[in-house]
PDB file of N, CA and C in Angstrom:
ATOM      1  N   UNK A   1      18.394 -39.048  34.761  1.00  0.00           N
ATOM      2  CA  UNK A   1      18.889 -39.089  33.404  1.00  0.00           C
ATOM      3  C   UNK A   1      20.396 -38.841  33.367  1.00  0.00           C
ATOM      4  N   UNK A   2      20.917 -37.990  34.276  1.00  0.00           N
ATOM      5  CA  UNK A   2      22.341 -37.650  34.235  1.00  0.00           C
ATOM      6  C   UNK A   2      23.231 -38.845  34.579  1.00  0.00           C
ATOM      7  N   UNK A   3      22.660 -39.880  35.193  1.00  0.00           N
ATOM      8  CA  UNK A   3      23.451 -41.070  35.507  1.00  0.00           C
ATOM      9  C   UNK A   3      23.835 -41.846  34.258  1.00  0.00           C
ATOM     10  N   UNK A   4      23.131 -41.590  33.146  1.00  0.00           N
ATOM     11  CA  UNK A   4      23.389 -42.316  31.909  1.00  0.00           C
ATOM     12  C   UNK A   4      24.536 -41.711  31.091  1.00  0.00           C
ATOM     13  N   UNK A   5      25.048 -40.548  31.510  1.00  0.00           N
ATOM     14  CA  UNK A   5      26.110 -39.880  30.761  1.00  0.00           C
ATOM     15  C   UNK A   5      27.430 -40.622  30.982  1.00  0.00           C
ATOM     16  N   UNK A   6      28.077 -41.010  29.882  1.00  0.00           N
ATOM     17  CA  UNK A   6      29.377 -41.661  29.957  1.00  0.00           C
ATOM     18  C   UNK A   6      30.404 -40.703  29.365  1.00  0.00           C
ATOM     19  N   UNK A   7      31.402 -40.372  30.168  1.00  0.00           N
ATOM     20  CA  UNK A   7      32.437 -39.438  29.733  1.00  0.00           C
ATOM     21  C   UNK A   7      33.683 -40.239  29.402  1.00  0.00           C
ATOM     22  N   UNK A   8      34.238 -40.020  28.196  1.00  0.00           N
ATOM     23  CA  UNK A   8      35.423 -40.761  27.756  1.00  0.00           C
ATOM     24  C   UNK A   8      36.515 -39.794  27.336  1.00  0.00           C
ATOM     25  N   UNK A   9      37.780 -40.222  27.530  1.00  0.00           N
ATOM     26  CA  UNK A   9      38.910 -39.394  27.092  1.00  0.00           C
ATOM     27  C   UNK A   9      39.177 -39.616  25.608  1.00  0.00           C
ATOM     28  N   UNK A  10      40.267 -39.067  25.102  1.00  0.00           N
ATOM     29  CA  UNK A  10      40.567 -39.153  23.672  1.00  0.00           C
ATOM     30  C   UNK A  10      40.812 -40.589  23.211  1.00  0.00           C
ATOM     31  N   UNK A  11      41.189 -41.486  24.135  1.00  0.00           N
ATOM     32  CA  UNK A  11      41.438 -42.887  23.783  1.00  0.00           C
ATOM     33  C   UNK A  11      40.229 -43.780  24.013  1.00  0.00           C
ATOM     34  N   UNK A  12      39.122 -43.209  24.500  1.00  0.00           N
ATOM     35  CA  UNK A  12      37.924 -43.997  24.747  1.00  0.00           C
ATOM     36  C   UNK A  12      37.861 -44.601  26.141  1.00  0.00           C
ATOM     37  N   UNK A  13      38.776 -44.211  27.028  1.00  0.00           N
ATOM     38  CA  UNK A  13      38.771 -44.694  28.409  1.00  0.00           C
ATOM     39  C   UNK A  13      37.763 -43.888  29.209  1.00  0.00           C
ATOM     40  N   UNK A  14      36.955 -44.565  30.028  1.00  0.00           N
ATOM     41  CA  UNK A  14      35.945 -43.875  30.823  1.00  0.00           C
ATOM     42  C   UNK A  14      36.596 -43.029  31.903  1.00  0.00           C
ATOM     43  N   UNK A  15      36.029 -41.852  32.116  1.00  0.00           N
ATOM     44  CA  UNK A  15      36.498 -40.941  33.153  1.00  0.00           C
ATOM     45  C   UNK A  15      35.450 -40.844  34.255  1.00  0.00           C
ATOM     46  N   UNK A  16      35.915 -40.604  35.486  1.00  0.00           N
ATOM     47  CA  UNK A  16      35.025 -40.454  36.629  1.00  0.00           C
ATOM     48  C   UNK A  16      35.466 -39.245  37.446  1.00  0.00           C
ATOM     49  N   UNK A  17      34.582 -38.758  38.310  1.00  0.00           N
ATOM     50  CA  UNK A  17      34.952 -37.660  39.210  1.00  0.00           C
ATOM     51  C   UNK A  17      36.191 -38.030  40.003  1.00  0.00           C
ATOM     52  N   UNK A  18      37.119 -37.093  40.106  1.00  0.00           N
ATOM     53  CA  UNK A  18      38.323 -37.318  40.908  1.00  0.00           C
ATOM     54  C   UNK A  18      39.482 -37.936  40.147  1.00  0.00           C
ATOM     55  N   UNK A  19      39.282 -38.317  38.881  1.00  0.00           N
ATOM     56  CA  UNK A  19      40.370 -38.893  38.089  1.00  0.00           C
ATOM     57  C   UNK A  19      41.440 -37.843  37.787  1.00  0.00           C
ATOM     58  N   UNK A  20      42.631 -38.311  37.455  1.00  0.00           N
ATOM     59  CA  UNK A  20      43.699 -37.445  36.967  1.00  0.00           C
ATOM     60  C   UNK A  20      43.844 -37.674  35.473  1.00  0.00           C
ATOM     61  N   UNK A  21      44.069 -36.587  34.738  1.00  0.00           N
ATOM     62  CA  UNK A  21      44.220 -36.673  33.287  1.00  0.00           C
ATOM     63  C   UNK A  21      45.458 -35.900  32.856  1.00  0.00           C
ATOM     64  N   UNK A  22      45.953 -36.234  31.658  1.00  0.00           N
ATOM     65  CA  UNK A  22      47.104 -35.565  31.071  1.00  0.00           C
ATOM     66  C   UNK A  22      46.667 -34.907  29.767  1.00  0.00           C
ATOM     67  N   UNK A  23      47.166 -33.704  29.508  1.00  0.00           N
ATOM     68  CA  UNK A  23      46.849 -33.019  28.254  1.00  0.00           C
ATOM     69  C   UNK A  23      47.647 -33.646  27.116  1.00  0.00           C
ATOM     70  N   UNK A  24      47.008 -33.825  25.959  1.00  0.00           N
ATOM     71  CA  UNK A  24      47.700 -34.406  24.811  1.00  0.00           C
ATOM     72  C   UNK A  24      48.055 -33.340  23.781  1.00  0.00           C
ATOM     73  N   UNK A  25      47.773 -32.058  24.096  1.00  0.00           N
ATOM     74  CA  UNK A  25      48.017 -30.964  23.161  1.00  0.00           C
ATOM     75  C   UNK A  25      48.205 -29.690  23.970  1.00  0.00           C
ATOM     76  N   UNK A  26      49.081 -28.775  23.485  1.00  0.00           N
ATOM     77  CA  UNK A  26      49.181 -27.456  24.111  1.00  0.00           C
ATOM     78  C   UNK A  26      47.852 -26.725  23.927  1.00  0.00           C
ATOM     79  N   UNK A  27      47.342 -26.161  25.006  1.00  0.00           N
ATOM     80  CA  UNK A  27      46.060 -25.465  24.933  1.00  0.00           C
ATOM     81  C   UNK A  27      46.203 -24.034  25.434  1.00  0.00           C
ATOM     82  N   UNK A  28      45.745 -23.074  24.630  1.00  0.00           N
ATOM     83  CA  UNK A  28      45.684 -21.687  25.088  1.00  0.00           C
ATOM     84  C   UNK A  28      44.406 -21.536  25.904  1.00  0.00           C
ATOM     85  N   UNK A  29      44.501 -20.838  27.020  1.00  0.00           N
ATOM     86  CA  UNK A  29      43.346 -20.625  27.884  1.00  0.00           C
ATOM     87  C   UNK A  29      42.713 -19.293  27.508  1.00  0.00           C
ATOM     88  N   UNK A  30      41.462 -19.337  27.051  1.00  0.00           N
ATOM     89  CA  UNK A  30      40.770 -18.117  26.636  1.00  0.00           C
ATOM     90  C   UNK A  30      40.643 -17.161  27.822  1.00  0.00           C
ATOM     91  N   UNK A  31      40.828 -15.878  27.557  1.00  0.00           N
ATOM     92  CA  UNK A  31      40.670 -14.868  28.586  1.00  0.00           C
ATOM     93  C   UNK A  31      41.907 -14.663  29.447  1.00  0.00           C
ATOM     94  N   UNK A  32      42.958 -15.441  29.203  1.00  0.00           N
ATOM     95  CA  UNK A  32      44.208 -15.267  29.941  1.00  0.00           C
ATOM     96  C   UNK A  32      45.371 -15.344  28.966  1.00  0.00           C
ATOM     97  N   UNK A  33      46.562 -15.090  29.458  1.00  0.00           N
ATOM     98  CA  UNK A  33      47.752 -15.231  28.613  1.00  0.00           C
ATOM     99  C   UNK A  33      48.416 -16.581  28.832  1.00  0.00           C
ATOM    100  N   UNK A  34      47.751 -17.479  29.562  1.00  0.00           N
ATOM    101  CA  UNK A  34      48.321 -18.788  29.900  1.00  0.00           C
ATOM    102  C   UNK A  34      48.186 -19.779  28.741  1.00  0.00           C
ATOM    103  N   UNK A  35      49.186 -20.644  28.622  1.00  0.00           N
ATOM    104  CA  UNK A  35      49.111 -21.798  27.727  1.00  0.00           C
ATOM    105  C   UNK A  35      49.434 -23.022  28.557  1.00  0.00           C
ATOM    106  N   UNK A  36      48.525 -23.993  28.561  1.00  0.00           N
ATOM    107  CA  UNK A  36      48.775 -25.245  29.262  1.00  0.00           C
ATOM    108  C   UNK A  36      49.537 -26.160  28.316  1.00  0.00           C
ATOM    109  N   UNK A  37      50.676 -26.638  28.746  1.00  0.00           N
ATOM    110  CA  UNK A  37      51.554 -27.427  27.882  1.00  0.00           C
ATOM    111  C   UNK A  37      51.098 -28.881  27.802  1.00  0.00           C
ATOM    112  N   UNK A  38      51.426 -29.507  26.666  1.00  0.00           N
ATOM    113  CA  UNK A  38      51.160 -30.934  26.483  1.00  0.00           C
ATOM    114  C   UNK A  38      51.895 -31.702  27.570  1.00  0.00           C
ATOM    115  N   UNK A  39      51.240 -32.708  28.140  1.00  0.00           N
ATOM    116  CA  UNK A  39      51.856 -33.497  29.197  1.00  0.00           C
ATOM    117  C   UNK A  39      51.547 -32.995  30.594  1.00  0.00           C
ATOM    118  N   UNK A  40      50.852 -31.852  30.707  1.00  0.00           N
ATOM    119  CA  UNK A  40      50.481 -31.318  32.017  1.00  0.00           C
ATOM    120  C   UNK A  40      49.493 -32.264  32.690  1.00  0.00           C
ATOM    121  N   UNK A  41      49.766 -32.601  33.947  1.00  0.00           N
ATOM    122  CA  UNK A  41      48.880 -33.476  34.711  1.00  0.00           C
ATOM    123  C   UNK A  41      47.848 -32.622  35.423  1.00  0.00           C
ATOM    124  N   UNK A  42      46.582 -32.949  35.219  1.00  0.00           N
ATOM    125  CA  UNK A  42      45.479 -32.250  35.879  1.00  0.00           C
ATOM    126  C   UNK A  42      44.811 -33.257  36.799  1.00  0.00           C
ATOM    127  N   UNK A  43      44.794 -32.943  38.101  1.00  0.00           N
ATOM    128  CA  UNK A  43      44.255 -33.878  39.090  1.00  0.00           C
ATOM    129  C   UNK A  43      42.842 -33.484  39.497  1.00  0.00           C
ATOM    130  N   UNK A  44      42.104 -34.480  39.953  1.00  0.00           N
ATOM    131  CA  UNK A  44      40.796 -34.271  40.586  1.00  0.00           C
ATOM    132  C   UNK A  44      39.807 -33.550  39.674  1.00  0.00           C
ATOM    133  N   UNK A  45      39.539 -34.132  38.494  1.00  0.00           N
ATOM    134  CA  UNK A  45      38.573 -33.537  37.571  1.00  0.00           C
ATOM    135  C   UNK A  45      37.158 -33.743  38.103  1.00  0.00           C
ATOM    136  N   UNK A  46      36.244 -32.907  37.625  1.00  0.00           N
ATOM    137  CA  UNK A  46      34.829 -33.045  37.947  1.00  0.00           C
ATOM    138  C   UNK A  46      34.049 -33.149  36.636  1.00  0.00           C
ATOM    139  N   UNK A  47      33.152 -34.116  36.565  1.00  0.00           N
ATOM    140  CA  UNK A  47      32.347 -34.293  35.362  1.00  0.00           C
ATOM    141  C   UNK A  47      31.261 -33.228  35.315  1.00  0.00           C
ATOM    142  N   UNK A  48      30.838 -32.869  34.111  1.00  0.00           N
ATOM    143  CA  UNK A  48      29.769 -31.892  33.915  1.00  0.00           C
ATOM    144  C   UNK A  48      28.588 -32.590  33.253  1.00  0.00           C
ATOM    145  N   UNK A  49      27.516 -31.833  33.010  1.00  0.00           N
ATOM    146  CA  UNK A  49      26.355 -32.392  32.308  1.00  0.00           C
ATOM    147  C   UNK A  49      26.659 -32.658  30.840  1.00  0.00           C
ATOM    148  N   UNK A  50      27.720 -32.033  30.324  1.00  0.00           N
ATOM    149  CA  UNK A  50      28.127 -32.229  28.935  1.00  0.00           C
ATOM    150  C   UNK A  50      29.203 -33.316  28.893  1.00  0.00           C
ATOM    151  N   UNK A  51      28.966 -34.431  28.206  1.00  0.00           N
ATOM    152  CA  UNK A  51      29.950 -35.518  28.187  1.00  0.00           C
ATOM    153  C   UNK A  51      31.242 -35.171  27.457  1.00  0.00           C
ATOM    154  N   UNK A  52      31.298 -34.029  26.764  1.00  0.00           N
ATOM    155  CA  UNK A  52      32.513 -33.635  26.039  1.00  0.00           C
ATOM    156  C   UNK A  52      33.375 -32.674  26.852  1.00  0.00           C
ATOM    157  N   UNK A  53      32.955 -32.355  28.091  1.00  0.00           N
ATOM    158  CA  UNK A  53      33.703 -31.388  28.893  1.00  0.00           C
ATOM    159  C   UNK A  53      33.849 -31.862  30.331  1.00  0.00           C
ATOM    160  N   UNK A  54      34.985 -31.479  30.957  1.00  0.00           N
ATOM    161  CA  UNK A  54      35.194 -31.703  32.388  1.00  0.00           C
ATOM    162  C   UNK A  54      35.670 -30.394  33.014  1.00  0.00           C
ATOM    163  N   UNK A  55      35.386 -30.227  34.297  1.00  0.00           N
ATOM    164  CA  UNK A  55      35.863 -29.066  35.037  1.00  0.00           C
ATOM    165  C   UNK A  55      37.079 -29.467  35.836  1.00  0.00           C
ATOM    166  N   UNK A  56      38.002 -28.515  36.031  1.00  0.00           N
ATOM    167  CA  UNK A  56      39.192 -28.805  36.818  1.00  0.00           C
ATOM    168  C   UNK A  56      39.853 -27.509  37.248  1.00  0.00           C
ATOM    169  N   UNK A  57      40.850 -27.635  38.104  1.00  0.00           N
ATOM    170  CA  UNK A  57      41.691 -26.523  38.519  1.00  0.00           C
ATOM    171  C   UNK A  57      43.128 -26.881  38.200  1.00  0.00           C
ATOM    172  N   UNK A  58      43.897 -25.911  37.749  1.00  0.00           N
ATOM    173  CA  UNK A  58      45.333 -26.091  37.562  1.00  0.00           C
ATOM    174  C   UNK A  58      46.041 -25.061  38.429  1.00  0.00           C
ATOM    175  N   UNK A  59      47.354 -25.147  38.503  1.00  0.00           N
ATOM    176  CA  UNK A  59      48.106 -24.169  39.285  1.00  0.00           C
ATOM    177  C   UNK A  59      47.888 -22.762  38.746  1.00  0.00           C
ATOM    178  N   UNK A  60      47.796 -22.645  37.413  1.00  0.00           N
ATOM    179  CA  UNK A  60      47.674 -21.338  36.789  1.00  0.00           C
ATOM    180  C   UNK A  60      46.240 -20.812  36.764  1.00  0.00           C
ATOM    181  N   UNK A  61      45.275 -21.704  36.514  1.00  0.00           N
ATOM    182  CA  UNK A  61      43.894 -21.282  36.270  1.00  0.00           C
ATOM    183  C   UNK A  61      42.943 -22.103  37.123  1.00  0.00           C
ATOM    184  N   UNK A  62      42.044 -21.424  37.820  1.00  0.00           N
ATOM    185  CA  UNK A  62      41.024 -22.100  38.628  1.00  0.00           C
ATOM    186  C   UNK A  62      39.701 -22.091  37.865  1.00  0.00           C
ATOM    187  N   UNK A  63      38.882 -23.125  38.062  1.00  0.00           N
ATOM    188  CA  UNK A  63      37.575 -23.178  37.421  1.00  0.00           C
ATOM    189  C   UNK A  63      37.637 -23.342  35.924  1.00  0.00           C
ATOM    190  N   UNK A  64      38.565 -24.172  35.459  1.00  0.00           N
ATOM    191  CA  UNK A  64      38.798 -24.369  34.036  1.00  0.00           C
ATOM    192  C   UNK A  64      37.893 -25.480  33.504  1.00  0.00           C
ATOM    193  N   UNK A  65      37.377 -25.309  32.287  1.00  0.00           N
ATOM    194  CA  UNK A  65      36.608 -26.355  31.605  1.00  0.00           C
ATOM    195  C   UNK A  65      37.433 -26.836  30.425  1.00  0.00           C
ATOM    196  N   UNK A  66      37.717 -28.142  30.395  1.00  0.00           N
ATOM    197  CA  UNK A  66      38.522 -28.721  29.310  1.00  0.00           C
ATOM    198  C   UNK A  66      37.681 -29.678  28.484  1.00  0.00           C
ATOM    199  N   UNK A  67      37.951 -29.720  27.190  1.00  0.00           N
ATOM    200  CA  UNK A  67      37.297 -30.676  26.286  1.00  0.00           C
ATOM    201  C   UNK A  67      37.971 -32.034  26.454  1.00  0.00           C
ATOM    202  N   UNK A  68      37.178 -33.092  26.515  1.00  0.00           N
ATOM    203  CA  UNK A  68      37.728 -34.430  26.719  1.00  0.00           C
ATOM    204  C   UNK A  68      38.551 -34.911  25.532  1.00  0.00           C
ATOM    205  N   UNK A  69      38.371 -34.331  24.354  1.00  0.00           N
ATOM    206  CA  UNK A  69      39.152 -34.746  23.181  1.00  0.00           C
ATOM    207  C   UNK A  69      40.628 -34.411  23.326  1.00  0.00           C
ATOM    208  N   UNK A  70      40.994 -33.552  24.287  1.00  0.00           N
ATOM    209  CA  UNK A  70      42.393 -33.165  24.504  1.00  0.00           C
ATOM    210  C   UNK A  70      42.989 -33.819  25.750  1.00  0.00           C
ATOM    211  N   UNK A  71      42.297 -34.804  26.313  1.00  0.00           N
ATOM    212  CA  UNK A  71      42.739 -35.419  27.566  1.00  0.00           C
ATOM    213  C   UNK A  71      42.955 -36.906  27.394  1.00  0.00           C
ATOM    214  N   UNK A  72      43.866 -37.445  28.212  1.00  0.00           N
ATOM    215  CA  UNK A  72      43.967 -38.899  28.347  1.00  0.00           C
ATOM    216  C   UNK A  72      44.121 -39.216  29.824  1.00  0.00           C
ATOM    217  N   UNK A  73      43.500 -40.308  30.237  1.00  0.00           N
ATOM    218  CA  UNK A  73      43.516 -40.682  31.641  1.00  0.00           C
ATOM    219  C   UNK A  73      44.939 -41.038  32.069  1.00  0.00           C
ATOM    220  N   UNK A  74      45.338 -40.523  33.233  1.00  0.00           N
ATOM    221  CA  UNK A  74      46.694 -40.753  33.738  1.00  0.00           C
ATOM    222  C   UNK A  74      46.759 -42.060  34.520  1.00  0.00           C
TER     223      UNK A  74
END
């Protein structure tokens, strides 16, 4: 069943494991004092069971979950 999940970015472009994405909005990271700035490139995303979320690592935060509505494919 999980093969049927289609993950799309804010522009409707399909995302896949290992893609690079760019943030389209400044995002505060819950539980830390970090803010990820708009335009930050996030490499090597991993898809989750939820089509509205992807997992990734940034220089500042490891094991981060981002909403796809704030991403665009790079």
